[in-house]
C-alpha atoms as a PDB file:
ATOM      1  CA  MET A   1     108.667  46.461 100.813  1.00  0.00           C
ATOM      2  CA  GLY A   2     105.696  44.868 100.191  1.00  0.00           C
ATOM      3  CA  ILE A   3     103.153  44.435 102.895  1.00  0.00           C
ATOM      4  CA  VAL A   4      99.533  42.268 101.957  1.00  0.00           C
ATOM      5  CA  ARG A   5      96.966  41.446 104.685  1.00  0.00           C
ATOM      6  CA  LYS A   6      94.482  38.929 103.441  1.00  0.00           C
ATOM      7  CA  SER A   7      91.781  36.699 105.094  1.00  0.00           C
ATOM      8  CA  TYR A   8      90.986  33.202 103.610  1.00  0.00           C
ATOM      9  CA  GLU A   9      88.539  30.833 104.597  1.00  0.00           C
ATOM     10  CA  VAL A  10      89.663  27.662 104.956  1.00  0.00           C
ATOM     11  CA  THR A  11      87.514  24.728 104.697  1.00  0.00           C
ATOM     12  CA  THR A  12      88.305  20.849 104.959  1.00  0.00           C
ATOM     13  CA  VAL A  13      89.530  20.761 101.559  1.00  0.00           C
ATOM     14  CA  PRO A  14      93.664  21.631 101.342  1.00  0.00           C
ATOM     15  CA  SER A  15      95.044  24.867 100.292  1.00  0.00           C
ATOM     16  CA  GLY A  16      97.667  27.704 100.805  1.00  0.00           C
ATOM     17  CA  LEU A  17      98.405  31.113 100.260  1.00  0.00           C
ATOM     18  CA  ASP A  18      97.389  32.650  96.699  1.00  0.00           C
ATOM     19  CA  ASP A  19      98.916  34.611  94.202  1.00  0.00           C
ATOM     20  CA  ALA A  20      98.459  37.924  95.666  1.00  0.00           C
ATOM     21  CA  VAL A  21     100.247  36.923  98.789  1.00  0.00           C
ATOM     22  CA  LEU A  22     103.237  35.161  97.230  1.00  0.00           C
ATOM     23  CA  SER A  23     103.881  37.391  94.354  1.00  0.00           C
ATOM     24  CA  ILE A  24     105.550  39.281  97.321  1.00  0.00           C
ATOM     25  CA  ASN A  25     108.267  37.156  97.699  1.00  0.00           C
ATOM     26  CA  PRO A  26     107.132  37.065 101.507  1.00  0.00           C
ATOM     27  CA  THR A  27     110.178  36.610 103.646  1.00  0.00           C
ATOM     28  CA  THR A  28     107.934  36.593 106.994  1.00  0.00           C
ATOM     29  CA  CYS A  29     104.186  35.437 107.735  1.00  0.00           C
ATOM     30  CA  PHE A  30     102.153  36.019 110.598  1.00  0.00           C
ATOM     31  CA  PHE A  31      98.902  34.356 110.726  1.00  0.00           C
ATOM     32  CA  SER A  32      95.859  33.938 113.248  1.00  0.00           C
ATOM     33  CA  VAL A  33      93.033  31.509 113.482  1.00  0.00           C
ATOM     34  CA  GLU A  34      90.066  33.111 114.194  1.00  0.00           C
ATOM     35  CA  THR A  35      87.457  30.892 114.247  1.00  0.00           C
ATOM     36  CA  GLN A  36      87.238  26.937 114.109  1.00  0.00           C
ATOM     37  CA  ASP A  37      90.367  24.782 114.656  1.00  0.00           C
ATOM     38  CA  ILE A  38      92.718  23.988 111.634  1.00  0.00           C
ATOM     39  CA  ARG A  39      95.768  21.888 110.737  1.00  0.00           C
ATOM     40  CA  PHE A  40      98.576  22.919 108.509  1.00  0.00           C
ATOM     41  CA  SER A  41     101.724  21.846 106.822  1.00  0.00           C
ATOM     42  CA  TYR A  42     104.760  23.719 105.584  1.00  0.00           C
ATOM     43  CA  ASP A  43     106.590  21.188 103.370  1.00  0.00           C
ATOM     44  CA  GLY A  44     104.156  21.329 100.524  1.00  0.00           C
ATOM     45  CA  THR A  45     102.411  18.219 101.316  1.00  0.00           C
ATOM     46  CA  ASP A  46      98.820  18.123 102.239  1.00  0.00           C
ATOM     47  CA  PRO A  47      97.677  18.347 106.116  1.00  0.00           C
ATOM     48  CA  SER A  48      94.144  16.878 106.788  1.00  0.00           C
ATOM     49  CA  SER A  49      91.578  17.054 109.587  1.00  0.00           C
ATOM     50  CA  SER A  50      93.698  14.548 111.639  1.00  0.00           C
ATOM     51  CA  GLU A  51      97.043  15.241 110.425  1.00  0.00           C
ATOM     52  CA  GLY A  52      99.240  17.851 110.330  1.00  0.00           C
ATOM     53  CA  HIS A  53     100.341  20.421 113.105  1.00  0.00           C
ATOM     54  CA  LEU A  54      97.209  21.237 114.767  1.00  0.00           C
ATOM     55  CA  GLN A  55      96.530  25.068 115.070  1.00  0.00           C
ATOM     56  CA  PHE A  56      93.761  26.048 117.707  1.00  0.00           C
ATOM     57  CA  ALA A  57      91.282  28.704 116.921  1.00  0.00           C
ATOM     58  CA  GLY A  58      91.938  32.138 118.884  1.00  0.00           C
ATOM     59  CA  THR A  59      96.023  31.171 118.448  1.00  0.00           C
ATOM     60  CA  THR A  60      98.748  32.382 116.270  1.00  0.00           C
ATOM     61  CA  ALA A  61     101.897  31.257 114.442  1.00  0.00           C
ATOM     62  CA  SER A  62     104.512  32.822 112.118  1.00  0.00           C
ATOM     63  CA  PHE A  63     107.150  32.204 109.808  1.00  0.00           C
ATOM     64  CA  THR A  64     110.343  33.566 108.708  1.00  0.00           C
ATOM     65  CA  ARG A  65     111.869  31.155 105.839  1.00  0.00           C
ATOM     66  CA  SER A  66     110.561  31.672 102.039  1.00  0.00           C
ATOM     67  CA  ALA A  67     110.614  28.407 101.661  1.00  0.00           C
ATOM     68  CA  HIS A  68     107.776  27.263 104.392  1.00  0.00           C
ATOM     69  CA  ILE A  69     105.596  30.197 103.562  1.00  0.00           C
ATOM     70  CA  ARG A  70     105.745  29.207 100.028  1.00  0.00           C
ATOM     71  CA  ASN A  71     105.006  25.364 100.924  1.00  0.00           C
ATOM     72  CA  LEU A  72     102.354  26.518 103.723  1.00  0.00           C
ATOM     73  CA  ARG A  73      98.970  24.359 103.558  1.00  0.00           C
ATOM     74  CA  TRP A  74      95.756  24.414 105.795  1.00  0.00           C
ATOM     75  CA  VAL A  75      92.764  22.945 106.254  1.00  0.00           C
ATOM     76  CA  SER A  76      90.037  23.336 108.968  1.00  0.00           C
ATOM     77  CA  VAL A  77      89.451  20.205 111.535  1.00  0.00           C
ATOM     78  CA  THR A  78      85.608  20.815 110.646  1.00  0.00           C
ATOM     79  CA  GLY A  79      83.638  23.250 109.503  1.00  0.00           C
ATOM     80  CA  THR A  80      84.975  26.397 107.831  1.00  0.00           C
ATOM     81  CA  ALA A  81      87.536  28.641 109.729  1.00  0.00           C
ATOM     82  CA  LYS A  82      89.016  32.352 109.008  1.00  0.00           C
ATOM     83  CA  VAL A  83      92.373  32.501 109.318  1.00  0.00           C
ATOM     84  CA  THR A  84      93.928  36.124 108.289  1.00  0.00           C
ATOM     85  CA  ILE A  85      97.499  36.664 107.601  1.00  0.00           C
ATOM     86  CA  THR A  86     100.031  39.193 107.443  1.00  0.00           C
ATOM     87  CA  ALA A  87     103.067  38.354 105.200  1.00  0.00           C
ATOM     88  CA  GLU A  88     106.095  40.985 104.263  1.00  0.00           C
ATOM     89  CA  GLY A  89     108.286  40.667 101.372  1.00  0.00           C
ATOM     90  CA  PRO A  90     111.391  42.088 100.435  1.00  0.00           C
END
């Protein structure tokens, strides 16, 4: 079983999880938004500062479907947000 914990700086340019996380084929992913609000999508499309699921600073979210985790994309609403994730794979 692999577990990866990593922090990301999320900017106004859409991005997602990197190879360090995806390489363990995660089946669960928990993330906390530490600073600044973000928007995210998990269908593979890029969110924008006005489109996507709004996640406020100080809140958390979790995913338990591999496809959703692989397709997770996020963007900050303004400025740079810090997002910390913990992902677990088989």
